[in-house]
PDB file of N, CA and C in Angstrom:
ATOM      1  N   MET A   1      11.942   2.149 -37.372  1.00  0.00           N
ATOM      2  CA  MET A   1      10.722   3.151 -36.523  1.00  0.00           C
ATOM      3  C   MET A   1       9.605   1.260 -36.597  1.00  0.00           C
ATOM      4  N   LYS A   2      10.173   0.456 -37.867  1.00  0.00           N
ATOM      5  CA  LYS A   2       9.978  -0.887 -37.381  1.00  0.00           C
ATOM      6  C   LYS A   2       9.768  -1.499 -36.314  1.00  0.00           C
ATOM      7  N   VAL A   3      10.891  -1.126 -35.843  1.00  0.00           N
ATOM      8  CA  VAL A   3      11.464  -1.995 -34.838  1.00  0.00           C
ATOM      9  C   VAL A   3      11.149  -1.552 -33.606  1.00  0.00           C
ATOM     10  N   THR A   4      10.455  -0.297 -33.751  1.00  0.00           N
ATOM     11  CA  THR A   4      10.811   0.077 -31.814  1.00  0.00           C
ATOM     12  C   THR A   4       8.839   0.015 -31.890  1.00  0.00           C
ATOM     13  N   LEU A   5       8.301  -0.906 -33.067  1.00  0.00           N
ATOM     14  CA  LEU A   5       6.949  -0.940 -33.001  1.00  0.00           C
ATOM     15  C   LEU A   5       6.747  -1.907 -32.474  1.00  0.00           C
ATOM     16  N   TRP A   6       7.401  -2.818 -33.331  1.00  0.00           N
ATOM     17  CA  TRP A   6       7.114  -4.461 -32.658  1.00  0.00           C
ATOM     18  C   TRP A   6       7.473  -4.495 -32.156  1.00  0.00           C
ATOM     19  N   ARG A   7       8.934  -3.994 -31.194  1.00  0.00           N
ATOM     20  CA  ARG A   7       8.685  -4.187 -29.387  1.00  0.00           C
ATOM     21  C   ARG A   7       7.739  -3.812 -28.060  1.00  0.00           C
ATOM     22  N   ALA A   8       7.601  -2.572 -29.073  1.00  0.00           N
ATOM     23  CA  ALA A   8       6.628  -2.023 -27.724  1.00  0.00           C
ATOM     24  C   ALA A   8       4.542  -3.133 -27.595  1.00  0.00           C
ATOM     25  N   ILE A   9       4.742  -3.802 -29.105  1.00  0.00           N
ATOM     26  CA  ILE A   9       3.925  -4.538 -29.047  1.00  0.00           C
ATOM     27  C   ILE A   9       3.575  -5.612 -28.983  1.00  0.00           C
ATOM     28  N   HIS A  10       5.150  -5.841 -28.904  1.00  0.00           N
ATOM     29  CA  HIS A  10       5.747  -7.265 -28.395  1.00  0.00           C
ATOM     30  C   HIS A  10       5.501  -7.497 -27.059  1.00  0.00           C
ATOM     31  N   LEU A  11       5.885  -6.445 -26.152  1.00  0.00           N
ATOM     32  CA  LEU A  11       5.535  -6.036 -24.484  1.00  0.00           C
ATOM     33  C   LEU A  11       4.453  -5.860 -24.244  1.00  0.00           C
ATOM     34  N   LEU A  12       3.519  -5.494 -24.697  1.00  0.00           N
ATOM     35  CA  LEU A  12       2.550  -4.734 -23.942  1.00  0.00           C
ATOM     36  C   LEU A  12       1.628  -6.238 -24.953  1.00  0.00           C
ATOM     37  N   ALA A  13       1.141  -7.481 -25.479  1.00  0.00           N
ATOM     38  CA  ALA A  13       1.528  -8.782 -25.556  1.00  0.00           C
ATOM     39  C   ALA A  13       1.306  -9.818 -24.794  1.00  0.00           C
ATOM     40  N   GLN A  14       2.892  -9.738 -24.402  1.00  0.00           N
ATOM     41  CA  GLN A  14       2.770 -10.195 -22.921  1.00  0.00           C
ATOM     42  C   GLN A  14       2.620  -9.290 -21.915  1.00  0.00           C
ATOM     43  N   GLY A  15       1.994  -8.450 -21.488  1.00  0.00           N
ATOM     44  CA  GLY A  15       1.640  -7.950 -20.333  1.00  0.00           C
ATOM     45  C   GLY A  15       2.647  -7.267 -19.603  1.00  0.00           C
ATOM     46  N   GLU A  16       4.107  -7.317 -20.149  1.00  0.00           N
ATOM     47  CA  GLU A  16       4.723  -5.942 -20.176  1.00  0.00           C
ATOM     48  C   GLU A  16       5.306  -4.363 -19.659  1.00  0.00           C
ATOM     49  N   ASP A  17       5.320  -4.089 -18.970  1.00  0.00           N
ATOM     50  CA  ASP A  17       5.769  -2.894 -19.248  1.00  0.00           C
ATOM     51  C   ASP A  17       6.344  -2.227 -20.583  1.00  0.00           C
ATOM     52  N   ALA A  18       5.906  -1.319 -21.191  1.00  0.00           N
ATOM     53  CA  ALA A  18       6.196  -1.343 -22.182  1.00  0.00           C
ATOM     54  C   ALA A  18       6.259   0.973 -22.487  1.00  0.00           C
ATOM     55  N   SER A  19       6.430   1.018 -21.161  1.00  0.00           N
ATOM     56  CA  SER A  19       6.403   2.633 -20.223  1.00  0.00           C
ATOM     57  C   SER A  19       8.069   3.545 -21.085  1.00  0.00           C
ATOM     58  N   GLU A  20       8.809   2.385 -21.279  1.00  0.00           N
ATOM     59  CA  GLU A  20      10.242   2.591 -22.545  1.00  0.00           C
ATOM     60  C   GLU A  20       9.908   3.369 -23.267  1.00  0.00           C
ATOM     61  N   ILE A  21       9.012   2.680 -24.333  1.00  0.00           N
ATOM     62  CA  ILE A  21       9.148   2.410 -25.854  1.00  0.00           C
ATOM     63  C   ILE A  21       9.212   2.843 -26.382  1.00  0.00           C
ATOM     64  N   LEU A  22       7.503   2.906 -25.707  1.00  0.00           N
ATOM     65  CA  LEU A  22       6.582   4.099 -25.905  1.00  0.00           C
ATOM     66  C   LEU A  22       6.497   4.944 -26.471  1.00  0.00           C
ATOM     67  N   PRO A  23       6.769   5.639 -25.834  1.00  0.00           N
ATOM     68  CA  PRO A  23       7.701   7.021 -26.674  1.00  0.00           C
ATOM     69  C   PRO A  23       8.789   7.842 -27.408  1.00  0.00           C
ATOM     70  N   ILE A  24       9.019   5.971 -27.571  1.00  0.00           N
ATOM     71  CA  ILE A  24      10.087   6.520 -28.483  1.00  0.00           C
ATOM     72  C   ILE A  24       9.036   5.415 -29.988  1.00  0.00           C
ATOM     73  N   ALA A  25       8.671   4.673 -29.911  1.00  0.00           N
ATOM     74  CA  ALA A  25       8.195   3.998 -31.109  1.00  0.00           C
ATOM     75  C   ALA A  25       7.439   5.800 -31.237  1.00  0.00           C
ATOM     76  N   LYS A  26       6.514   6.397 -30.569  1.00  0.00           N
ATOM     77  CA  LYS A  26       5.410   7.818 -31.524  1.00  0.00           C
ATOM     78  C   LYS A  26       7.258   8.196 -31.679  1.00  0.00           C
ATOM     79  N   TYR A  27       7.095   8.617 -31.415  1.00  0.00           N
ATOM     80  CA  TYR A  27       8.924   9.864 -32.557  1.00  0.00           C
ATOM     81  C   TYR A  27       9.379   9.160 -33.201  1.00  0.00           C
ATOM     82  N   TRP A  28       9.615   7.877 -33.664  1.00  0.00           N
ATOM     83  CA  TRP A  28       9.878   7.692 -34.448  1.00  0.00           C
ATOM     84  C   TRP A  28       8.484   7.671 -36.059  1.00  0.00           C
ATOM     85  N   ALA A  29       6.925   6.820 -35.155  1.00  0.00           N
ATOM     86  CA  ALA A  29       6.237   7.125 -36.108  1.00  0.00           C
ATOM     87  C   ALA A  29       6.039   8.344 -36.485  1.00  0.00           C
ATOM     88  N   SER A  30       5.725   9.211 -36.106  1.00  0.00           N
ATOM     89  CA  SER A  30       5.376  10.911 -36.225  1.00  0.00           C
ATOM     90  C   SER A  30       6.765  11.231 -37.337  1.00  0.00           C
ATOM     91  N   VAL A  31       8.290  11.088 -37.029  1.00  0.00           N
ATOM     92  CA  VAL A  31       9.125  11.468 -37.490  1.00  0.00           C
ATOM     93  C   VAL A  31       8.704  10.495 -39.166  1.00  0.00           C
ATOM     94  N   GLY A  32       9.315   9.214 -39.215  1.00  0.00           N
ATOM     95  CA  GLY A  32       8.688   8.941 -40.045  1.00  0.00           C
ATOM     96  C   GLY A  32       7.300   9.483 -41.271  1.00  0.00           C
ATOM     97  N   GLY A  33       6.167   9.868 -40.570  1.00  0.00           N
ATOM     98  CA  GLY A  33       4.953   9.859 -40.914  1.00  0.00           C
ATOM     99  C   GLY A  33       5.089  10.848 -42.571  1.00  0.00           C
ATOM    100  N   ALA A  34       5.851  11.907 -41.325  1.00  0.00           N
ATOM    101  CA  ALA A  34       5.796  13.616 -41.629  1.00  0.00           C
ATOM    102  C   ALA A  34       6.965  13.726 -43.157  1.00  0.00           C
ATOM    103  N   SER A  35       7.687  12.500 -42.874  1.00  0.00           N
ATOM    104  CA  SER A  35       8.591  12.613 -43.770  1.00  0.00           C
ATOM    105  C   SER A  35       8.163  11.815 -45.148  1.00  0.00           C
ATOM    106  N   VAL A  36       7.465  10.763 -45.279  1.00  0.00           N
ATOM    107  CA  VAL A  36       6.991  10.017 -46.095  1.00  0.00           C
ATOM    108  C   VAL A  36       6.183  11.262 -46.765  1.00  0.00           C
ATOM    109  N   THR A  37       4.988  11.806 -46.172  1.00  0.00           N
ATOM    110  CA  THR A  37       4.367  12.412 -47.150  1.00  0.00           C
ATOM    111  C   THR A  37       5.337  14.011 -47.321  1.00  0.00           C
ATOM    112  N   TYR A  38       6.300  14.391 -47.070  1.00  0.00           N
ATOM    113  CA  TYR A  38       7.276  15.402 -47.584  1.00  0.00           C
ATOM    114  C   TYR A  38       7.649  15.249 -48.653  1.00  0.00           C
ATOM    115  N   ALA A  39       8.550  13.955 -48.817  1.00  0.00           N
ATOM    116  CA  ALA A  39       9.336  13.495 -49.727  1.00  0.00           C
ATOM    117  C   ALA A  39       8.281  13.440 -51.258  1.00  0.00           C
ATOM    118  N   ALA A  40       6.626  12.653 -50.529  1.00  0.00           N
ATOM    119  CA  ALA A  40       5.875  12.535 -51.878  1.00  0.00           C
ATOM    120  C   ALA A  40       5.796  13.774 -52.333  1.00  0.00           C
ATOM    121  N   GLN A  41       5.513  14.564 -51.522  1.00  0.00           N
ATOM    122  CA  GLN A  41       5.061  15.529 -52.257  1.00  0.00           C
ATOM    123  C   GLN A  41       5.599  16.350 -53.099  1.00  0.00           C
ATOM    124  N   HIS A  42       7.398  16.501 -52.777  1.00  0.00           N
ATOM    125  CA  HIS A  42       8.053  16.782 -53.625  1.00  0.00           C
ATOM    126  C   HIS A  42       8.433  16.134 -54.855  1.00  0.00           C
ATOM    127  N   LEU A  43       8.107  14.810 -54.593  1.00  0.00           N
ATOM    128  CA  LEU A  43       8.881  14.240 -55.723  1.00  0.00           C
ATOM    129  C   LEU A  43       7.982  13.413 -56.444  1.00  0.00           C
ATOM    130  N   HIS A  44       6.600  14.536 -55.990  1.00  0.00           N
ATOM    131  CA  HIS A  44       5.418  14.813 -57.142  1.00  0.00           C
ATOM    132  C   HIS A  44       5.646  15.983 -58.238  1.00  0.00           C
ATOM    133  N   GLY A  45       6.892  16.793 -57.311  1.00  0.00           N
ATOM    134  CA  GLY A  45       6.601  18.310 -57.893  1.00  0.00           C
ATOM    135  C   GLY A  45       5.868  19.328 -57.490  1.00  0.00           C
ATOM    136  N   GLY A  46       6.081  19.311 -56.727  1.00  0.00           N
ATOM    137  CA  GLY A  46       4.707  20.017 -55.696  1.00  0.00           C
ATOM    138  C   GLY A  46       3.069  20.338 -56.636  1.00  0.00           C
ATOM    139  N   ILE A  47       2.716  18.631 -56.916  1.00  0.00           N
ATOM    140  CA  ILE A  47       1.682  18.970 -57.702  1.00  0.00           C
ATOM    141  C   ILE A  47       0.645  17.810 -56.732  1.00  0.00           C
ATOM    142  N   GLY A  48       1.027  17.886 -55.275  1.00  0.00           N
ATOM    143  CA  GLY A  48      -0.173  17.471 -54.901  1.00  0.00           C
ATOM    144  C   GLY A  48      -1.159  18.176 -53.803  1.00  0.00           C
ATOM    145  N   VAL A  49      -0.380  19.274 -54.846  1.00  0.00           N
ATOM    146  CA  VAL A  49      -1.498  20.744 -53.433  1.00  0.00           C
ATOM    147  C   VAL A  49      -3.041  20.837 -54.318  1.00  0.00           C
ATOM    148  N   ASP A  50      -2.804  19.739 -55.629  1.00  0.00           N
ATOM    149  CA  ASP A  50      -3.906  19.841 -56.614  1.00  0.00           C
ATOM    150  C   ASP A  50      -5.244  19.290 -55.074  1.00  0.00           C
ATOM    151  N   LEU A  51      -6.009  19.618 -55.908  1.00  0.00           N
ATOM    152  CA  LEU A  51      -6.777  19.341 -55.186  1.00  0.00           C
ATOM    153  C   LEU A  51      -7.635  18.041 -55.904  1.00  0.00           C
ATOM    154  N   ASP A  52      -7.356  17.702 -57.211  1.00  0.00           N
ATOM    155  CA  ASP A  52      -7.308  17.234 -57.931  1.00  0.00           C
ATOM    156  C   ASP A  52      -6.588  15.850 -57.872  1.00  0.00           C
ATOM    157  N   TYR A  53      -5.626  15.711 -57.097  1.00  0.00           N
ATOM    158  CA  TYR A  53      -4.617  14.883 -57.407  1.00  0.00           C
ATOM    159  C   TYR A  53      -4.356  14.047 -55.206  1.00  0.00           C
ATOM    160  N   PRO A  54      -5.008  12.723 -55.206  1.00  0.00           N
ATOM    161  CA  PRO A  54      -5.058  12.399 -54.066  1.00  0.00           C
ATOM    162  C   PRO A  54      -3.832  11.990 -52.654  1.00  0.00           C
ATOM    163  N   LEU A  55      -2.493  12.897 -53.613  1.00  0.00           N
ATOM    164  CA  LEU A  55      -1.489  13.266 -52.507  1.00  0.00           C
ATOM    165  C   LEU A  55      -1.693  14.598 -50.701  1.00  0.00           C
ATOM    166  N   HIS A  56      -2.374  15.350 -52.237  1.00  0.00           N
ATOM    167  CA  HIS A  56      -2.584  16.369 -50.799  1.00  0.00           C
ATOM    168  C   HIS A  56      -4.020  15.905 -49.483  1.00  0.00           C
ATOM    169  N   ARG A  57      -4.715  14.778 -50.032  1.00  0.00           N
ATOM    170  CA  ARG A  57      -5.104  14.457 -48.273  1.00  0.00           C
ATOM    171  C   ARG A  57      -4.712  13.624 -47.546  1.00  0.00           C
ATOM    172  N   TYR A  58      -3.597  13.227 -48.395  1.00  0.00           N
ATOM    173  CA  TYR A  58      -1.976  11.894 -47.183  1.00  0.00           C
ATOM    174  C   TYR A  58      -1.709  12.822 -46.969  1.00  0.00           C
ATOM    175  N   TYR A  59      -1.261  14.965 -47.601  1.00  0.00           N
ATOM    176  CA  TYR A  59      -0.569  14.903 -46.623  1.00  0.00           C
ATOM    177  C   TYR A  59      -1.339  16.326 -45.602  1.00  0.00           C
ATOM    178  N   LEU A  60      -2.724  16.843 -45.879  1.00  0.00           N
ATOM    179  CA  LEU A  60      -3.092  17.297 -44.649  1.00  0.00           C
ATOM    180  C   LEU A  60      -3.414  15.386 -43.552  1.00  0.00           C
ATOM    181  N   TRP A  61      -3.371  14.895 -44.183  1.00  0.00           N
ATOM    182  CA  TRP A  61      -4.085  13.951 -42.307  1.00  0.00           C
ATOM    183  C   TRP A  61      -2.187  13.657 -42.373  1.00  0.00           C
ATOM    184  N   ALA A  62      -1.390  13.719 -42.518  1.00  0.00           N
ATOM    185  CA  ALA A  62      -0.360  13.577 -41.633  1.00  0.00           C
ATOM    186  C   ALA A  62       0.111  14.917 -41.053  1.00  0.00           C
ATOM    187  N   ARG A  63      -0.446  15.731 -41.478  1.00  0.00           N
ATOM    188  CA  ARG A  63      -0.344  17.098 -41.109  1.00  0.00           C
ATOM    189  C   ARG A  63      -1.127  17.527 -39.242  1.00  0.00           C
ATOM    190  N   GLN A  64      -2.421  16.678 -39.827  1.00  0.00           N
ATOM    191  CA  GLN A  64      -3.003  16.792 -38.753  1.00  0.00           C
ATOM    192  C   GLN A  64      -3.340  15.779 -37.204  1.00  0.00           C
ATOM    193  N   ILE A  65      -2.521  14.661 -38.101  1.00  0.00           N
ATOM    194  CA  ILE A  65      -2.243  13.869 -37.114  1.00  0.00           C
ATOM    195  C   ILE A  65      -0.926  14.140 -35.950  1.00  0.00           C
ATOM    196  N   GLY A  66      -0.754  15.080 -36.817  1.00  0.00           N
ATOM    197  CA  GLY A  66       0.567  15.312 -35.812  1.00  0.00           C
ATOM    198  C   GLY A  66       0.990  16.308 -35.255  1.00  0.00           C
ATOM    199  N   LEU A  67      -0.463  17.663 -35.353  1.00  0.00           N
ATOM    200  CA  LEU A  67      -0.615  18.358 -34.868  1.00  0.00           C
ATOM    201  C   LEU A  67      -1.879  18.148 -33.633  1.00  0.00           C
ATOM    202  N   HIS A  68      -2.296  17.263 -33.562  1.00  0.00           N
ATOM    203  CA  HIS A  68      -3.308  16.284 -32.675  1.00  0.00           C
ATOM    204  C   HIS A  68      -2.625  15.645 -31.792  1.00  0.00           C
ATOM    205  N   LEU A  69      -1.464  14.346 -32.274  1.00  0.00           N
ATOM    206  CA  LEU A  69      -1.065  13.625 -31.654  1.00  0.00           C
ATOM    207  C   LEU A  69       0.110  14.169 -30.903  1.00  0.00           C
ATOM    208  N   GLY A  70       0.716  14.451 -31.518  1.00  0.00           N
ATOM    209  CA  GLY A  70       2.156  15.636 -31.142  1.00  0.00           C
ATOM    210  C   GLY A  70       2.886  15.598 -32.103  1.00  0.00           C
ATOM    211  N   THR A  71       3.655  16.391 -32.892  1.00  0.00           N
ATOM    212  CA  THR A  71       4.303  15.863 -33.655  1.00  0.00           C
ATOM    213  C   THR A  71       6.050  15.805 -33.440  1.00  0.00           C
ATOM    214  N   GLY A  72       6.952  15.338 -33.607  1.00  0.00           N
ATOM    215  CA  GLY A  72       8.151  14.473 -33.309  1.00  0.00           C
ATOM    216  C   GLY A  72       9.116  15.066 -32.556  1.00  0.00           C
ATOM    217  N   THR A  73       8.758  17.031 -32.460  1.00  0.00           N
ATOM    218  CA  THR A  73       9.503  17.591 -31.445  1.00  0.00           C
ATOM    219  C   THR A  73       8.928  17.033 -30.586  1.00  0.00           C
ATOM    220  N   ALA A  74       7.421  17.132 -30.250  1.00  0.00           N
ATOM    221  CA  ALA A  74       7.096  17.489 -29.340  1.00  0.00           C
ATOM    222  C   ALA A  74       6.914  15.323 -28.420  1.00  0.00           C
ATOM    223  N   GLN A  75       7.252  14.734 -29.065  1.00  0.00           N
ATOM    224  CA  GLN A  75       7.784  13.516 -28.744  1.00  0.00           C
ATOM    225  C   GLN A  75       9.129  13.547 -28.003  1.00  0.00           C
ATOM    226  N   LEU A  76       9.541  14.373 -28.692  1.00  0.00           N
ATOM    227  CA  LEU A  76      10.870  13.954 -28.473  1.00  0.00           C
ATOM    228  C   LEU A  76      10.951  14.986 -27.376  1.00  0.00           C
ATOM    229  N   ALA A  77      10.203  15.807 -26.654  1.00  0.00           N
ATOM    230  CA  ALA A  77      10.584  16.519 -25.652  1.00  0.00           C
ATOM    231  C   ALA A  77       9.803  15.501 -24.168  1.00  0.00           C
ATOM    232  N   ARG A  78       8.766  14.951 -24.881  1.00  0.00           N
ATOM    233  CA  ARG A  78       8.209  14.046 -23.877  1.00  0.00           C
ATOM    234  C   ARG A  78       9.194  13.306 -23.428  1.00  0.00           C
ATOM    235  N   LEU A  79       9.740  12.632 -24.403  1.00  0.00           N
ATOM    236  CA  LEU A  79      11.179  11.085 -24.393  1.00  0.00           C
ATOM    237  C   LEU A  79      12.284  12.314 -23.264  1.00  0.00           C
ATOM    238  N   GLY A  80      12.456  13.330 -23.648  1.00  0.00           N
ATOM    239  CA  GLY A  80      13.558  14.073 -22.729  1.00  0.00           C
ATOM    240  C   GLY A  80      13.193  14.255 -20.617  1.00  0.00           C
ATOM    241  N   GLU A  81      12.141  14.310 -21.044  1.00  0.00           N
ATOM    242  CA  GLU A  81      11.604  14.867 -19.943  1.00  0.00           C
ATOM    243  C   GLU A  81      11.178  13.995 -19.246  1.00  0.00           C
ATOM    244  N   GLN A  82      10.557  12.292 -19.582  1.00  0.00           N
ATOM    245  CA  GLN A  82      10.832  11.016 -18.957  1.00  0.00           C
ATOM    246  C   GLN A  82      12.307  10.307 -19.013  1.00  0.00           C
ATOM    247  N   ILE A  83      13.176  10.660 -19.832  1.00  0.00           N
ATOM    248  CA  ILE A  83      14.641  10.180 -19.200  1.00  0.00           C
ATOM    249  C   ILE A  83      15.090  11.298 -18.395  1.00  0.00           C
ATOM    250  N   ALA A  84      14.486  12.368 -17.951  1.00  0.00           N
ATOM    251  CA  ALA A  84      15.410  13.733 -16.968  1.00  0.00           C
ATOM    252  C   ALA A  84      14.919  13.075 -16.180  1.00  0.00           C
ATOM    253  N   ALA A  85      13.356  12.469 -15.457  1.00  0.00           N
ATOM    254  CA  ALA A  85      13.112  12.027 -14.915  1.00  0.00           C
ATOM    255  C   ALA A  85      13.509  11.479 -13.852  1.00  0.00           C
ATOM    256  N   GLY A  86      13.709  10.369 -14.711  1.00  0.00           N
ATOM    257  CA  GLY A  86      13.432   8.931 -14.243  1.00  0.00           C
ATOM    258  C   GLY A  86      14.970   8.841 -14.262  1.00  0.00           C
TER     259      GLY A  86
END
C-alpha cells in the first residue's frame, strides 16, 4: 500500500501522468483500511460494537468511506476496465 501511495505522490508532485498508478493505490488503500478495521474489531472480541468503546466509530467510518468512495471490489473493477480499454 505504501509503495503505490508514494509512487502516486511522486508522479503527481513531478507533474507527470499518474493515471495508471492512482487506481492501484486506491485499491490497496480501500482494501487495507477495511481489513485493518475488521481485524481490530475481531481482535477486541467484538467489543468494538459497543458504543462506549471508540473502535465502533473507526469501523463505521471505514465502511462509510468504502461505500462512498468505492470498496476494494469496485476499485478493482474500475482498474480492470481501464486495463481492458488501454
